[in-house]
Amino acid sequence: MRTDNQEELGFCQSVALAVIRLKRQLEHDYEEAYPGLRDIIPTIVDQEEKNAWQLSSFPHLLLPALLEVRWRLLTTKFKSEPTSTNKVEPERDAELASLQSPTGITRARAALVGCLNE
C-alpha cells in the first residue's frame, strides 16, 4: 500500500517529468522558428521555468504562456521575426502593447495566477 509521502513523491516526479518534456519541445519549436537565436533560447526557457515554479505547483501549465509573453516582448524589442511559422505563430493583438513594460509582465503573471485561483 502506498503512503501519502509516496503518492506526493510520485506526483512531484510526474510534474518534473512533464516540465522536462515540455521544455524540450518548446526549445525545439522556438529554435526551429528562430534559428539565429538558438544560443539564447535555452536561457529564456530556463528563466521562465523558474518563474512558473514560483507561481504554481503546476508549472507545465504556465510555462508556455509565460514563455510566449516573454518571447513577444523580445521579438518586438529586437524586431526578430520567425523564419518558419509552422510551430510558433505570435498573435498580434492589443494586449501585446500593454505588455511592453516590466509592469505589464507583472500584470500578465498576476492574471495567470488569478486564473488558477478561480
Protein backbone atom coordinates (compact mmCIF):
# COMPACT_ATOMS: atom_id res chain seq x y z
CA MET A 1 0.00 0.00 0.00
CA ARG A 2 1.29 3.45 -0.91
CA THR A 3 1.69 6.08 1.76
CA ASP A 4 0.89 9.76 1.38
CA ASN A 5 4.60 10.52 1.09
CA GLN A 6 4.99 8.02 -1.74
CA GLU A 7 1.98 9.48 -3.56
CA GLU A 8 3.33 13.02 -3.12
CA LEU A 9 6.74 11.92 -4.39
CA GLY A 10 5.10 10.26 -7.39
CA PHE A 11 3.16 13.43 -8.14
CA CYS A 12 6.28 15.60 -7.88
CA GLN A 13 8.18 13.27 -10.18
CA SER A 14 5.33 13.33 -12.69
CA VAL A 15 5.23 17.14 -12.71
CA ALA A 16 9.02 17.36 -13.02
CA LEU A 17 8.99 14.93 -15.94
CA ALA A 18 6.19 16.87 -17.63
CA VAL A 19 8.21 20.09 -17.28
CA ILE A 20 11.34 18.48 -18.74
CA ARG A 21 9.43 17.15 -21.74
CA LEU A 22 7.66 20.45 -22.29
CA LYS A 23 10.90 22.42 -22.09
CA ARG A 24 12.50 20.20 -24.73
CA GLN A 25 9.52 20.66 -27.04
CA LEU A 26 9.35 24.43 -26.51
CA GLU A 27 13.09 24.83 -27.09
CA HIS A 28 12.82 22.79 -30.28
CA ASP A 29 9.84 24.82 -31.53
CA TYR A 30 11.47 28.17 -30.84
CA GLU A 31 14.84 27.09 -32.25
CA GLU A 32 13.10 25.99 -35.42
CA ALA A 33 11.22 29.27 -35.71
CA TYR A 34 14.19 31.46 -34.73
CA PRO A 35 17.39 29.61 -35.77
CA GLY A 36 19.50 32.76 -35.42
CA LEU A 37 18.65 32.98 -31.71
CA ARG A 38 19.46 29.36 -30.85
CA ASP A 39 22.05 30.41 -28.28
CA ILE A 40 19.65 32.33 -26.04
CA ILE A 41 16.53 30.18 -26.29
CA PRO A 42 17.51 27.64 -23.56
CA THR A 43 18.33 30.50 -21.19
CA ILE A 44 14.98 32.17 -21.77
CA VAL A 45 13.13 28.88 -21.32
CA ASP A 46 15.04 28.22 -18.06
CA GLN A 47 14.20 31.68 -16.72
CA GLU A 48 10.52 31.29 -17.45
CA GLU A 49 10.52 27.79 -15.97
CA LYS A 50 11.84 29.31 -12.75
CA ASN A 51 9.03 31.89 -12.84
CA ALA A 52 6.45 29.16 -13.49
CA TRP A 53 7.66 27.16 -10.45
CA GLN A 54 7.40 30.30 -8.30
CA LEU A 55 3.82 30.86 -9.40
CA SER A 56 2.39 27.36 -9.28
CA SER A 57 2.76 23.74 -8.31
CA PHE A 58 1.76 23.06 -11.92
CA PRO A 59 4.50 24.92 -13.82
CA HIS A 60 3.95 22.95 -17.01
CA LEU A 61 0.56 24.63 -17.31
CA LEU A 62 2.00 28.14 -17.03
CA LEU A 63 5.31 27.77 -18.84
CA PRO A 64 4.01 28.06 -22.42
CA ALA A 65 2.07 31.25 -21.63
CA LEU A 66 4.94 32.85 -19.70
CA LEU A 67 7.35 31.97 -22.47
CA GLU A 68 5.02 33.39 -25.12
CA VAL A 69 4.74 36.71 -23.27
CA ARG A 70 8.50 36.88 -22.82
CA TRP A 71 9.14 35.95 -26.43
CA ARG A 72 6.68 38.52 -27.73
CA LEU A 73 8.45 41.19 -25.73
CA LEU A 74 11.85 40.13 -27.04
CA THR A 75 10.80 39.82 -30.66
CA THR A 76 9.05 43.18 -30.52
CA LYS A 77 12.05 44.84 -28.91
CA PHE A 78 14.57 43.37 -31.36
CA LYS A 79 12.18 43.12 -34.31
CA SER A 80 13.02 39.45 -34.85
CA GLU A 81 10.52 37.58 -36.98
CA PRO A 82 10.27 33.80 -37.24
CA THR A 83 11.68 32.19 -40.35
CA SER A 84 9.12 29.41 -40.14
CA THR A 85 5.58 29.87 -38.90
CA ASN A 86 4.90 26.15 -38.67
CA LYS A 87 5.37 25.92 -34.93
CA VAL A 88 5.31 29.37 -33.31
CA GLU A 89 2.81 31.89 -34.58
CA PRO A 90 2.77 35.02 -32.42
CA GLU A 91 -0.67 36.58 -32.30
CA ARG A 92 -0.90 40.30 -32.95
CA ASP A 93 -3.37 41.87 -30.58
CA ALA A 94 -3.99 44.98 -28.50
CA GLU A 95 -2.93 43.24 -25.29
CA LEU A 96 0.62 42.92 -26.60
CA ALA A 97 1.05 46.68 -26.47
CA SER A 98 0.15 46.69 -22.77
CA LEU A 99 2.80 44.04 -22.05
CA GLN A 100 5.71 46.14 -23.27
CA SER A 101 6.96 47.05 -19.80
CA PRO A 102 8.09 45.18 -16.68
CA THR A 103 4.81 46.28 -15.10
CA GLY A 104 2.96 44.64 -17.98
CA ILE A 105 4.81 41.38 -17.43
CA THR A 106 3.92 41.51 -13.74
CA ARG A 107 0.27 42.11 -14.63
CA ALA A 108 0.31 39.20 -17.08
CA ARG A 109 1.78 36.86 -14.50
CA ALA A 110 -0.73 38.06 -11.89
CA ALA A 111 -3.55 37.40 -14.36
CA LEU A 112 -2.30 33.86 -14.89
CA VAL A 113 -2.21 33.28 -11.15
CA GLY A 114 -5.70 34.75 -10.84
CA CYS A 115 -7.00 32.28 -13.41
CA LEU A 116 -5.57 29.41 -11.39
CA ASN A 117 -7.26 30.61 -8.22
CA GLU A 118 -10.73 30.80 -9.79
